[in-house]
Amino acid sequence: VRYVHRNDLDTALCSNWIFPTYLDFTDYLRFALHLPPGAPAAVATGMTVMMYHKMHGHTGMLFCRPGDAAWTKVEKPRRIGYGYFDFAYHDGKVFGMDINGEMAVFDAATLGALQLVPRPPDMPNLSSKMYDSICSRKQELDYVHLVALPSKLVLVVARTTVKSSRPVALDLFELGSSPAPDGQLAWRKVAEAGNYELFVDRYHATFRENDGANGTRIYYVHDMKKVSTVAAYCYSMQENKLECVYRSPEDDGPPDCLTRPSWFVP
């Protein structure tokens, strides 16, 4: 597969990738959907779909709206790092997190860049399963996942090590205004996010309200590429308790035969 960013010779950026199967190609796709409030007809008119593939590198992301003949490119505010690996929509804004930990904030209506949010504090091993090959030399990996709750945007951090078959810890950060005079957005570590159950896997992040008033619970799928066994964990932030709720059989078949299903679908 060949991707060309811009067609003129002076500014063209080309990338060539080999994907053994279409499944491998789709493994590097990420999407975000913006649905503005309003009547069904108005929702269809104002809907925006944002997309990123690893082939795009550090050039930016793509978006389209109903009636568009083609995708439109949205440039990255700063070409640093590789590219986006997670998206979220919240409060009229689209958030794209870069593999270097910076997060670009875009206006969902105009797609103009508003701010670059610094990487979360105390996270030297920030990683993404989309870029496993880049992080393969690290001994500790902090996998991050954006989750948009009704009143806040949070970041789930699954801390792992290459020697452990389970996450070592699960942390939570909340996006809010910094105490600095400029009041820019910044991450801060929190003890919980309220009475919610958060669900994160390799591809998706979603939530539901926890009617039991048991505080925040995080359900996390711990899987590694080219490893057939998969396990799901539940972490109660109120009780500080991590338990395995599912583990696939050891003889689940060759990794190449897996369909990589999504565990949690909104």
C-alpha atoms as a PDB file:
ATOM      1  CA  VAL A   1       0.000   0.000   0.000  1.00  0.00           C
ATOM      2  CA  ARG A   2       1.369   3.417  -0.952  1.00  0.00           C
ATOM      3  CA  TYR A   3       0.283   6.671   0.705  1.00  0.00           C
ATOM      4  CA  VAL A   4       1.206  10.091  -0.720  1.00  0.00           C
ATOM      5  CA  HIS A   5       0.681  13.257   1.324  1.00  0.00           C
ATOM      6  CA  ARG A   6       0.289  16.101  -1.193  1.00  0.00           C
ATOM      7  CA  ASN A   7       0.910  15.620  -4.871  1.00  0.00           C
ATOM      8  CA  ASP A   8       3.529  18.298  -5.613  1.00  0.00           C
ATOM      9  CA  LEU A   9       7.131  17.096  -5.665  1.00  0.00           C
ATOM     10  CA  ASP A  10       8.446  19.785  -3.296  1.00  0.00           C
ATOM     11  CA  THR A  11       6.274  18.894  -0.296  1.00  0.00           C
ATOM     12  CA  ALA A  12       5.236  15.308  -1.039  1.00  0.00           C
ATOM     13  CA  LEU A  13       5.625  12.765   1.745  1.00  0.00           C
ATOM     14  CA  CYS A  14       5.354   9.134   0.690  1.00  0.00           C
ATOM     15  CA  SER A  15       5.100   5.975   2.753  1.00  0.00           C
ATOM     16  CA  ASN A  16       5.003   2.382   1.604  1.00  0.00           C
ATOM     17  CA  TRP A  17       3.662  -0.418   3.773  1.00  0.00           C
ATOM     18  CA  ILE A  18       3.197  -4.145   3.333  1.00  0.00           C
ATOM     19  CA  PHE A  19       0.173  -5.709   5.014  1.00  0.00           C
ATOM     20  CA  PRO A  20      -0.109  -9.511   4.653  1.00  0.00           C
ATOM     21  CA  THR A  21      -3.895  -9.379   4.966  1.00  0.00           C
ATOM     22  CA  TYR A  22      -6.690  -6.829   4.962  1.00  0.00           C
ATOM     23  CA  LEU A  23      -7.151  -7.648   8.642  1.00  0.00           C
ATOM     24  CA  ASP A  24      -3.599  -6.445   9.310  1.00  0.00           C
ATOM     25  CA  PHE A  25      -4.336  -3.230   7.415  1.00  0.00           C
ATOM     26  CA  THR A  26      -7.479  -2.477   9.426  1.00  0.00           C
ATOM     27  CA  ASP A  27      -5.633  -3.168  12.688  1.00  0.00           C
ATOM     28  CA  TYR A  28      -4.001   0.265  12.311  1.00  0.00           C
ATOM     29  CA  LEU A  29      -7.206   2.261  11.731  1.00  0.00           C
ATOM     30  CA  ARG A  30      -8.714   4.538  14.371  1.00  0.00           C
ATOM     31  CA  PHE A  31     -11.988   6.497  14.105  1.00  0.00           C
ATOM     32  CA  ALA A  32     -13.849   9.197  16.022  1.00  0.00           C
ATOM     33  CA  LEU A  33     -17.449  10.280  15.396  1.00  0.00           C
ATOM     34  CA  HIS A  34     -18.927  13.682  16.254  1.00  0.00           C
ATOM     35  CA  LEU A  35     -22.737  13.842  16.504  1.00  0.00           C
ATOM     36  CA  PRO A  36     -24.006  17.327  17.449  1.00  0.00           C
ATOM     37  CA  PRO A  37     -27.214  17.594  19.491  1.00  0.00           C
ATOM     38  CA  GLY A  38     -30.440  18.327  17.651  1.00  0.00           C
ATOM     39  CA  ALA A  39     -33.118  16.753  15.511  1.00  0.00           C
ATOM     40  CA  PRO A  40     -32.201  13.689  13.399  1.00  0.00           C
ATOM     41  CA  ALA A  41     -31.924  15.761  10.218  1.00  0.00           C
ATOM     42  CA  ALA A  42     -29.639  18.278  11.911  1.00  0.00           C
ATOM     43  CA  VAL A  43     -27.525  15.476  13.338  1.00  0.00           C
ATOM     44  CA  ALA A  44     -26.915  14.044   9.871  1.00  0.00           C
ATOM     45  CA  THR A  45     -25.970  17.474   8.541  1.00  0.00           C
ATOM     46  CA  GLY A  46     -23.482  18.262  11.292  1.00  0.00           C
ATOM     47  CA  MET A  47     -21.986  14.807  11.668  1.00  0.00           C
ATOM     48  CA  THR A  48     -18.191  14.552  11.342  1.00  0.00           C
ATOM     49  CA  VAL A  49     -16.170  11.348  11.017  1.00  0.00           C
ATOM     50  CA  MET A  50     -12.451  11.569  11.811  1.00  0.00           C
ATOM     51  CA  MET A  51      -9.996   8.864  10.815  1.00  0.00           C
ATOM     52  CA  TYR A  52      -6.317   8.068  11.216  1.00  0.00           C
ATOM     53  CA  HIS A  53      -4.184   5.232   9.888  1.00  0.00           C
ATOM     54  CA  LYS A  54      -0.618   4.472  10.839  1.00  0.00           C
ATOM     55  CA  MET A  55       0.410   5.084   7.220  1.00  0.00           C
ATOM     56  CA  HIS A  56      -0.381   8.793   7.658  1.00  0.00           C
ATOM     57  CA  GLY A  57       2.593   9.123   9.989  1.00  0.00           C
ATOM     58  CA  HIS A  58       3.003  12.561  11.536  1.00  0.00           C
ATOM     59  CA  THR A  59       1.116  14.415   8.783  1.00  0.00           C
ATOM     60  CA  GLY A  60      -2.276  14.575  10.499  1.00  0.00           C
ATOM     61  CA  MET A  61      -5.723  13.002  10.335  1.00  0.00           C
ATOM     62  CA  LEU A  62      -8.621  12.848   7.867  1.00  0.00           C
ATOM     63  CA  PHE A  63     -12.257  13.849   8.235  1.00  0.00           C
ATOM     64  CA  CYS A  64     -15.443  13.743   6.183  1.00  0.00           C
ATOM     65  CA  ARG A  65     -19.063  14.842   6.527  1.00  0.00           C
ATOM     66  CA  PRO A  66     -22.281  13.622   4.840  1.00  0.00           C
ATOM     67  CA  GLY A  67     -22.222  14.605   1.180  1.00  0.00           C
ATOM     68  CA  ASP A  68     -18.428  14.996   0.944  1.00  0.00           C
ATOM     69  CA  ALA A  69     -16.928  13.463  -2.185  1.00  0.00           C
ATOM     70  CA  ALA A  70     -13.625  12.670  -0.473  1.00  0.00           C
ATOM     71  CA  TRP A  71     -11.751  12.802   2.814  1.00  0.00           C
ATOM     72  CA  THR A  72     -10.182  16.128   3.865  1.00  0.00           C
ATOM     73  CA  LYS A  73      -6.802  16.315   5.579  1.00  0.00           C
ATOM     74  CA  VAL A  74      -6.424  18.040   8.974  1.00  0.00           C
ATOM     75  CA  GLU A  75      -2.797  18.947   9.582  1.00  0.00           C
ATOM     76  CA  LYS A  76      -1.169  18.219  12.912  1.00  0.00           C
ATOM     77  CA  PRO A  77      -0.522  21.405  14.927  1.00  0.00           C
ATOM     78  CA  ARG A  78       3.083  20.300  15.278  1.00  0.00           C
ATOM     79  CA  ARG A  79       4.810  17.523  13.373  1.00  0.00           C
ATOM     80  CA  ILE A  80       6.450  15.829  16.331  1.00  0.00           C
ATOM     81  CA  GLY A  81       6.282  12.143  17.172  1.00  0.00           C
ATOM     82  CA  TYR A  82       4.635   9.649  14.880  1.00  0.00           C
ATOM     83  CA  GLY A  83       0.899  10.032  14.775  1.00  0.00           C
ATOM     84  CA  TYR A  84      -2.389   9.688  16.577  1.00  0.00           C
ATOM     85  CA  PHE A  85      -3.366   6.421  18.192  1.00  0.00           C
ATOM     86  CA  ASP A  86      -6.540   7.426  20.035  1.00  0.00           C
ATOM     87  CA  PHE A  87      -9.438   9.838  19.454  1.00  0.00           C
ATOM     88  CA  ALA A  88     -12.296  11.131  21.577  1.00  0.00           C
ATOM     89  CA  TYR A  89     -15.088  13.672  21.225  1.00  0.00           C
ATOM     90  CA  HIS A  90     -16.177  15.714  24.239  1.00  0.00           C
ATOM     91  CA  ASP A  91     -17.885  19.066  24.826  1.00  0.00           C
ATOM     92  CA  GLY A  92     -17.705  20.291  21.230  1.00  0.00           C
ATOM     93  CA  LYS A  93     -14.063  19.305  20.794  1.00  0.00           C
ATOM     94  CA  VAL A  94     -12.163  16.432  19.194  1.00  0.00           C
ATOM     95  CA  PHE A  95      -9.062  15.157  20.972  1.00  0.00           C
ATOM     96  CA  GLY A  96      -6.260  13.284  19.215  1.00  0.00           C
ATOM     97  CA  MET A  97      -3.497  11.749  21.328  1.00  0.00           C
ATOM     98  CA  ASP A  98      -0.034  11.441  19.800  1.00  0.00           C
ATOM     99  CA  ILE A  99       2.326   8.566  20.524  1.00  0.00           C
ATOM    100  CA  ASN A 100       4.663  11.078  22.228  1.00  0.00           C
ATOM    101  CA  GLY A 101       1.946  11.846  24.810  1.00  0.00           C
ATOM    102  CA  GLU A 102       0.885  15.247  23.491  1.00  0.00           C
ATOM    103  CA  MET A 103      -2.799  15.650  22.734  1.00  0.00           C
ATOM    104  CA  ALA A 104      -4.131  17.961  20.031  1.00  0.00           C
ATOM    105  CA  VAL A 105      -7.475  19.673  20.690  1.00  0.00           C
ATOM    106  CA  PHE A 106      -9.648  20.586  17.686  1.00  0.00           C
ATOM    107  CA  ASP A 107     -12.915  22.482  17.425  1.00  0.00           C
ATOM    108  CA  ALA A 108     -15.411  19.834  16.279  1.00  0.00           C
ATOM    109  CA  ALA A 109     -17.303  22.305  14.064  1.00  0.00           C
ATOM    110  CA  THR A 110     -14.431  24.110  12.326  1.00  0.00           C
ATOM    111  CA  LEU A 111     -11.685  21.466  12.876  1.00  0.00           C
ATOM    112  CA  GLY A 112      -9.317  24.276  13.782  1.00  0.00           C
ATOM    113  CA  ALA A 113      -6.535  23.442  16.246  1.00  0.00           C
ATOM    114  CA  LEU A 114      -7.160  24.999  19.673  1.00  0.00           C
ATOM    115  CA  GLN A 115      -4.368  23.730  21.898  1.00  0.00           C
ATOM    116  CA  LEU A 116      -1.682  21.113  22.481  1.00  0.00           C
ATOM    117  CA  VAL A 117      -2.104  19.429  25.869  1.00  0.00           C
ATOM    118  CA  PRO A 118       1.219  18.295  27.432  1.00  0.00           C
ATOM    119  CA  ARG A 119       1.722  14.608  28.126  1.00  0.00           C
ATOM    120  CA  PRO A 120       0.375  13.288  31.448  1.00  0.00           C
ATOM    121  CA  PRO A 121       2.779  13.669  34.394  1.00  0.00           C
ATOM    122  CA  ASP A 122       5.028  10.832  35.563  1.00  0.00           C
ATOM    123  CA  MET A 123       4.538   8.677  32.490  1.00  0.00           C
ATOM    124  CA  PRO A 124       7.962   8.011  30.939  1.00  0.00           C
ATOM    125  CA  ASN A 125       6.796   4.701  29.423  1.00  0.00           C
ATOM    126  CA  LEU A 126       3.677   5.893  27.599  1.00  0.00           C
ATOM    127  CA  SER A 127       2.814   3.332  24.933  1.00  0.00           C
ATOM    128  CA  SER A 128       0.125   2.279  22.495  1.00  0.00           C
ATOM    129  CA  LYS A 129      -0.787  -1.133  21.156  1.00  0.00           C
ATOM    130  CA  MET A 130      -1.052   0.514  17.741  1.00  0.00           C
ATOM    131  CA  TYR A 131       2.714   1.157  17.904  1.00  0.00           C
ATOM    132  CA  ASP A 132       3.858  -2.022  19.658  1.00  0.00           C
ATOM    133  CA  SER A 133       6.913  -2.346  17.419  1.00  0.00           C
ATOM    134  CA  ILE A 134       8.190   1.112  18.444  1.00  0.00           C
ATOM    135  CA  CYS A 135       7.831   0.293  22.143  1.00  0.00           C
ATOM    136  CA  SER A 136       9.169  -3.271  21.903  1.00  0.00           C
ATOM    137  CA  ARG A 137      12.492  -2.481  23.620  1.00  0.00           C
ATOM    138  CA  LYS A 138      10.905  -1.086  26.766  1.00  0.00           C
ATOM    139  CA  GLN A 139      10.659  -3.195  29.908  1.00  0.00           C
ATOM    140  CA  GLU A 140       7.705  -1.230  31.290  1.00  0.00           C
ATOM    141  CA  LEU A 141       4.735  -0.114  29.190  1.00  0.00           C
ATOM    142  CA  ASP A 142       1.960   2.309  30.144  1.00  0.00           C
ATOM    143  CA  TYR A 143      -0.937   1.739  27.729  1.00  0.00           C
ATOM    144  CA  VAL A 144      -3.337   4.700  27.619  1.00  0.00           C
ATOM    145  CA  HIS A 145      -6.974   4.975  26.515  1.00  0.00           C
ATOM    146  CA  LEU A 146      -9.176   8.083  26.207  1.00  0.00           C
ATOM    147  CA  VAL A 147     -12.712   7.763  27.596  1.00  0.00           C
ATOM    148  CA  ALA A 148     -15.261  10.571  27.136  1.00  0.00           C
ATOM    149  CA  LEU A 149     -17.696  10.664  30.075  1.00  0.00           C
ATOM    150  CA  PRO A 150     -20.780  12.948  30.090  1.00  0.00           C
ATOM    151  CA  SER A 151     -19.065  15.683  32.114  1.00  0.00           C
ATOM    152  CA  LYS A 152     -15.342  14.990  31.717  1.00  0.00           C
ATOM    153  CA  LEU A 153     -12.608  13.433  29.599  1.00  0.00           C
ATOM    154  CA  VAL A 154     -10.482  10.847  31.369  1.00  0.00           C
ATOM    155  CA  LEU A 155      -7.398   8.845  30.490  1.00  0.00           C
ATOM    156  CA  VAL A 156      -7.121   5.222  31.613  1.00  0.00           C
ATOM    157  CA  VAL A 157      -3.528   4.077  32.110  1.00  0.00           C
ATOM    158  CA  ALA A 158      -2.756   0.353  32.254  1.00  0.00           C
ATOM    159  CA  ARG A 159       0.745  -0.080  33.663  1.00  0.00           C
ATOM    160  CA  THR A 160       2.393  -3.314  32.510  1.00  0.00           C
ATOM    161  CA  THR A 161       5.813  -4.959  32.339  1.00  0.00           C
ATOM    162  CA  VAL A 162       7.212  -7.399  29.799  1.00  0.00           C
ATOM    163  CA  LYS A 163       7.768  -9.924  32.605  1.00  0.00           C
ATOM    164  CA  SER A 164       4.170  -9.864  33.828  1.00  0.00           C
ATOM    165  CA  SER A 165       1.194 -11.557  32.181  1.00  0.00           C
ATOM    166  CA  ARG A 166      -1.223  -9.115  33.847  1.00  0.00           C
ATOM    167  CA  PRO A 167      -1.384  -5.329  34.343  1.00  0.00           C
ATOM    168  CA  VAL A 168       0.625  -4.149  37.314  1.00  0.00           C
ATOM    169  CA  ALA A 169      -1.689  -1.219  38.054  1.00  0.00           C
ATOM    170  CA  LEU A 170      -4.478   0.891  36.556  1.00  0.00           C
ATOM    171  CA  ASP A 171      -4.414   4.674  36.985  1.00  0.00           C
ATOM    172  CA  LEU A 172      -6.805   7.440  35.992  1.00  0.00           C
ATOM    173  CA  PHE A 173      -6.190  11.012  34.819  1.00  0.00           C
ATOM    174  CA  GLU A 174      -8.772  13.751  34.275  1.00  0.00           C
ATOM    175  CA  LEU A 175      -8.494  16.646  31.818  1.00  0.00           C
ATOM    176  CA  GLY A 176      -9.126  20.089  33.282  1.00  0.00           C
ATOM    177  CA  SER A 177      -7.874  23.661  33.414  1.00  0.00           C
ATOM    178  CA  SER A 178      -4.374  23.989  34.828  1.00  0.00           C
ATOM    179  CA  PRO A 179      -3.661  26.286  37.818  1.00  0.00           C
ATOM    180  CA  ALA A 180      -1.365  28.361  35.599  1.00  0.00           C
ATOM    181  CA  PRO A 181      -2.503  31.923  34.715  1.00  0.00           C
ATOM    182  CA  ASP A 182      -3.261  30.928  31.116  1.00  0.00           C
ATOM    183  CA  GLY A 183      -5.732  28.288  32.328  1.00  0.00           C
ATOM    184  CA  GLN A 184      -4.735  25.858  29.581  1.00  0.00           C
ATOM    185  CA  LEU A 185      -5.955  22.270  29.673  1.00  0.00           C
ATOM    186  CA  ALA A 186      -3.779  19.744  31.491  1.00  0.00           C
ATOM    187  CA  TRP A 187      -3.970  16.233  32.928  1.00  0.00           C
ATOM    188  CA  ARG A 188      -4.146  15.563  36.659  1.00  0.00           C
ATOM    189  CA  LYS A 189      -4.190  12.216  38.409  1.00  0.00           C
ATOM    190  CA  VAL A 190      -7.457  11.418  40.225  1.00  0.00           C
ATOM    191  CA  ALA A 191      -8.573   8.742  42.677  1.00  0.00           C
ATOM    192  CA  GLU A 192     -11.722   7.967  40.670  1.00  0.00           C
ATOM    193  CA  ALA A 193     -14.112   9.363  38.039  1.00  0.00           C
ATOM    194  CA  GLY A 194     -17.419   8.883  39.846  1.00  0.00           C
ATOM    195  CA  ASN A 195     -19.913   6.034  39.680  1.00  0.00           C
ATOM    196  CA  TYR A 196     -18.971   4.729  36.249  1.00  0.00           C
ATOM    197  CA  GLU A 197     -17.813   1.469  34.755  1.00  0.00           C
ATOM    198  CA  LEU A 198     -15.149   2.063  32.093  1.00  0.00           C
ATOM    199  CA  PHE A 199     -14.496  -0.525  29.388  1.00  0.00           C
ATOM    200  CA  VAL A 200     -11.294  -0.451  27.316  1.00  0.00           C
ATOM    201  CA  ASP A 201      -9.781  -2.887  24.835  1.00  0.00           C
ATOM    202  CA  ARG A 202      -7.304  -2.599  21.979  1.00  0.00           C
ATOM    203  CA  TYR A 203      -9.710  -0.659  19.754  1.00  0.00           C
ATOM    204  CA  HIS A 204     -12.498   0.917  21.787  1.00  0.00           C
ATOM    205  CA  ALA A 205     -13.312   2.718  25.001  1.00  0.00           C
ATOM    206  CA  THR A 206     -16.790   3.169  26.390  1.00  0.00           C
ATOM    207  CA  PHE A 207     -18.629   3.406  29.703  1.00  0.00           C
ATOM    208  CA  ARG A 208     -21.885   2.978  31.566  1.00  0.00           C
ATOM    209  CA  GLU A 209     -23.212   4.417  34.790  1.00  0.00           C
ATOM    210  CA  ASN A 210     -22.618   2.320  37.891  1.00  0.00           C
ATOM    211  CA  ASP A 211     -25.998   2.275  39.620  1.00  0.00           C
ATOM    212  CA  GLY A 212     -24.545   0.466  42.610  1.00  0.00           C
ATOM    213  CA  ALA A 213     -22.679   3.602  43.712  1.00  0.00           C
ATOM    214  CA  ASN A 214     -19.506   1.566  44.066  1.00  0.00           C
ATOM    215  CA  GLY A 215     -17.226   4.197  42.604  1.00  0.00           C
ATOM    216  CA  THR A 216     -15.228   3.741  39.415  1.00  0.00           C
ATOM    217  CA  ARG A 217     -14.594   0.271  38.037  1.00  0.00           C
ATOM    218  CA  ILE A 218     -12.286  -0.280  35.066  1.00  0.00           C
ATOM    219  CA  TYR A 219     -12.657  -3.324  32.822  1.00  0.00           C
ATOM    220  CA  TYR A 220      -9.488  -3.805  30.804  1.00  0.00           C
ATOM    221  CA  VAL A 221      -8.599  -6.405  28.154  1.00  0.00           C
ATOM    222  CA  HIS A 222      -4.933  -7.368  28.409  1.00  0.00           C
ATOM    223  CA  ASP A 223      -3.822  -8.732  25.048  1.00  0.00           C
ATOM    224  CA  MET A 224      -0.562  -8.671  23.162  1.00  0.00           C
ATOM    225  CA  LYS A 225      -0.090  -8.825  19.423  1.00  0.00           C
ATOM    226  CA  LYS A 226       0.889 -12.267  18.078  1.00  0.00           C
ATOM    227  CA  VAL A 227      -0.076 -13.864  21.411  1.00  0.00           C
ATOM    228  CA  SER A 228      -3.227 -15.970  21.316  1.00  0.00           C
ATOM    229  CA  THR A 229      -4.145 -15.831  25.014  1.00  0.00           C
ATOM    230  CA  VAL A 230      -6.260 -12.895  26.163  1.00  0.00           C
ATOM    231  CA  ALA A 231      -7.402 -11.921  29.649  1.00  0.00           C
ATOM    232  CA  ALA A 232      -9.934  -9.408  30.947  1.00  0.00           C
ATOM    233  CA  TYR A 233      -9.491  -7.682  34.308  1.00  0.00           C
ATOM    234  CA  CYS A 234     -11.734  -5.645  36.578  1.00  0.00           C
ATOM    235  CA  TYR A 235     -10.207  -2.984  38.817  1.00  0.00           C
ATOM    236  CA  SER A 236     -12.215  -1.344  41.594  1.00  0.00           C
ATOM    237  CA  MET A 237     -10.678   2.049  42.341  1.00  0.00           C
ATOM    238  CA  GLN A 238     -12.692   2.340  45.536  1.00  0.00           C
ATOM    239  CA  GLU A 239     -11.460  -0.999  46.890  1.00  0.00           C
ATOM    240  CA  ASN A 240      -8.062  -0.857  45.154  1.00  0.00           C
ATOM    241  CA  LYS A 241      -8.671  -4.414  43.982  1.00  0.00           C
ATOM    242  CA  LEU A 242      -7.654  -5.987  40.658  1.00  0.00           C
ATOM    243  CA  GLU A 243      -9.098  -9.341  39.627  1.00  0.00           C
ATOM    244  CA  CYS A 244      -9.126 -11.444  36.470  1.00  0.00           C
ATOM    245  CA  VAL A 245     -12.686 -11.991  35.232  1.00  0.00           C
ATOM    246  CA  TYR A 246     -11.860 -13.975  32.074  1.00  0.00           C
ATOM    247  CA  ARG A 247      -8.902 -15.779  30.538  1.00  0.00           C
ATOM    248  CA  SER A 248      -8.947 -17.504  27.150  1.00  0.00           C
ATOM    249  CA  PRO A 249      -7.733 -21.125  26.885  1.00  0.00           C
ATOM    250  CA  GLU A 250      -4.022 -21.591  26.358  1.00  0.00           C
ATOM    251  CA  ASP A 251      -4.637 -23.584  23.157  1.00  0.00           C
ATOM    252  CA  ASP A 252      -6.809 -20.930  21.536  1.00  0.00           C
ATOM    253  CA  GLY A 253      -5.190 -21.456  18.159  1.00  0.00           C
ATOM    254  CA  PRO A 254      -2.479 -19.665  16.166  1.00  0.00           C
ATOM    255  CA  PRO A 255      -2.486 -15.855  16.564  1.00  0.00           C
ATOM    256  CA  ASP A 256      -2.656 -15.387  12.793  1.00  0.00           C
ATOM    257  CA  CYS A 257      -6.098 -17.014  12.760  1.00  0.00           C
ATOM    258  CA  LEU A 258      -7.641 -14.655  15.276  1.00  0.00           C
ATOM    259  CA  THR A 259     -10.246 -12.179  14.048  1.00  0.00           C
ATOM    260  CA  ARG A 260      -9.286  -9.656  16.748  1.00  0.00           C
ATOM    261  CA  PRO A 261     -12.857  -8.977  17.846  1.00  0.00           C
ATOM    262  CA  SER A 262     -13.838  -5.936  19.825  1.00  0.00           C
ATOM    263  CA  TRP A 263     -14.726  -6.809  23.385  1.00  0.00           C
ATOM    264  CA  PHE A 264     -16.639  -3.685  24.290  1.00  0.00           C
ATOM    265  CA  VAL A 265     -18.898  -1.929  21.789  1.00  0.00           C
ATOM    266  CA  PRO A 266     -20.843   1.235  22.795  1.00  0.00           C
END
